[in-house]
Amino acid sequence: MVPVLLVLLLALILFGAGFALKALWWIAIAVLVVWLIGFVVHPAGGTSRRGRWYRW
C-alpha cells in the first residue's frame, strides 16, 4: 500500500512541476513579446533617456 501511495505522490508532484514549468514558459514568452514591442516601437529622436521604459 505504501509503495502505491509513494508512486501516486510522485506522479502528483511531477504533474504539478510540469504544469508550473509550462506556465513559466508562457509567462517568459509574453515578457519577451512585450520587450520586443517596446524595443521596436521606441520613441523617435535618438538618445533621450526620458523616453525609455527600461534603464539600460
C-alpha atoms as a PDB file:
ATOM      1  CA  MET A   1       0.000   0.000   0.000  1.00  0.00           C
ATOM      2  CA  VAL A   2       2.801   2.437   0.864  1.00  0.00           C
ATOM      3  CA  PRO A   3       4.628   1.993  -2.491  1.00  0.00           C
ATOM      4  CA  VAL A   4       1.393   2.727  -4.359  1.00  0.00           C
ATOM      5  CA  LEU A   5       0.903   5.923  -2.343  1.00  0.00           C
ATOM      6  CA  LEU A   6       4.510   6.937  -2.978  1.00  0.00           C
ATOM      7  CA  VAL A   7       4.096   6.401  -6.724  1.00  0.00           C
ATOM      8  CA  LEU A   8       0.868   8.418  -6.729  1.00  0.00           C
ATOM      9  CA  LEU A   9       2.527  11.184  -4.722  1.00  0.00           C
ATOM     10  CA  LEU A  10       5.477  11.229  -7.126  1.00  0.00           C
ATOM     11  CA  ALA A  11       3.122  11.422 -10.115  1.00  0.00           C
ATOM     12  CA  LEU A  12       1.234  14.295  -8.495  1.00  0.00           C
ATOM     13  CA  ILE A  13       4.466  16.199  -7.782  1.00  0.00           C
ATOM     14  CA  LEU A  14       5.750  15.677 -11.322  1.00  0.00           C
ATOM     15  CA  PHE A  15       2.413  16.771 -12.810  1.00  0.00           C
ATOM     16  CA  GLY A  16       2.439  19.916 -10.673  1.00  0.00           C
ATOM     17  CA  ALA A  17       6.035  20.722 -11.620  1.00  0.00           C
ATOM     18  CA  GLY A  18       5.281  20.180 -15.297  1.00  0.00           C
ATOM     19  CA  PHE A  19       2.271  22.494 -15.135  1.00  0.00           C
ATOM     20  CA  ALA A  20       4.285  25.162 -13.316  1.00  0.00           C
ATOM     21  CA  LEU A  21       7.119  24.964 -15.838  1.00  0.00           C
ATOM     22  CA  LYS A  22       4.687  25.240 -18.735  1.00  0.00           C
ATOM     23  CA  ALA A  23       3.071  28.286 -17.121  1.00  0.00           C
ATOM     24  CA  LEU A  24       6.509  29.851 -16.610  1.00  0.00           C
ATOM     25  CA  TRP A  25       7.322  29.289 -20.296  1.00  0.00           C
ATOM     26  CA  TRP A  26       4.129  31.118 -21.316  1.00  0.00           C
ATOM     27  CA  ILE A  27       4.972  33.998 -18.960  1.00  0.00           C
ATOM     28  CA  ALA A  28       8.514  34.174 -20.373  1.00  0.00           C
ATOM     29  CA  ILE A  29       7.159  34.285 -23.933  1.00  0.00           C
ATOM     30  CA  ALA A  30       4.725  37.077 -23.007  1.00  0.00           C
ATOM     31  CA  VAL A  31       7.530  39.116 -21.403  1.00  0.00           C
ATOM     32  CA  LEU A  32       9.716  38.585 -24.463  1.00  0.00           C
ATOM     33  CA  VAL A  33       6.938  39.791 -26.782  1.00  0.00           C
ATOM     34  CA  VAL A  34       6.358  42.907 -24.655  1.00  0.00           C
ATOM     35  CA  TRP A  35      10.103  43.614 -24.620  1.00  0.00           C
ATOM     36  CA  LEU A  36      10.374  43.198 -28.391  1.00  0.00           C
ATOM     37  CA  ILE A  37       7.396  45.505 -28.968  1.00  0.00           C
ATOM     38  CA  GLY A  38       8.971  48.107 -26.689  1.00  0.00           C
ATOM     39  CA  PHE A  39      12.295  47.726 -28.476  1.00  0.00           C
ATOM     40  CA  VAL A  40      10.770  48.144 -31.947  1.00  0.00           C
ATOM     41  CA  VAL A  41       8.298  50.905 -31.045  1.00  0.00           C
ATOM     42  CA  HIS A  42      10.762  53.163 -29.249  1.00  0.00           C
ATOM     43  CA  PRO A  43      10.270  56.912 -29.464  1.00  0.00           C
ATOM     44  CA  ALA A  44      11.994  58.532 -32.419  1.00  0.00           C
ATOM     45  CA  GLY A  45      14.620  61.112 -31.731  1.00  0.00           C
ATOM     46  CA  GLY A  46      17.517  59.105 -30.542  1.00  0.00           C
ATOM     47  CA  THR A  47      19.384  59.304 -27.293  1.00  0.00           C
ATOM     48  CA  SER A  48      16.921  60.902 -24.891  1.00  0.00           C
ATOM     49  CA  ARG A  49      16.800  58.850 -21.698  1.00  0.00           C
ATOM     50  CA  ARG A  50      13.390  60.210 -20.696  1.00  0.00           C
ATOM     51  CA  GLY A  51      11.531  58.276 -23.383  1.00  0.00           C
ATOM     52  CA  ARG A  52      12.902  54.872 -22.457  1.00  0.00           C
ATOM     53  CA  TRP A  53      10.853  52.486 -20.362  1.00  0.00           C
ATOM     54  CA  TYR A  54      13.928  50.445 -19.465  1.00  0.00           C
ATOM     55  CA  ARG A  55      17.102  51.565 -17.716  1.00  0.00           C
ATOM     56  CA  TRP A  56      19.982  50.126 -19.745  1.00  0.00           C
END
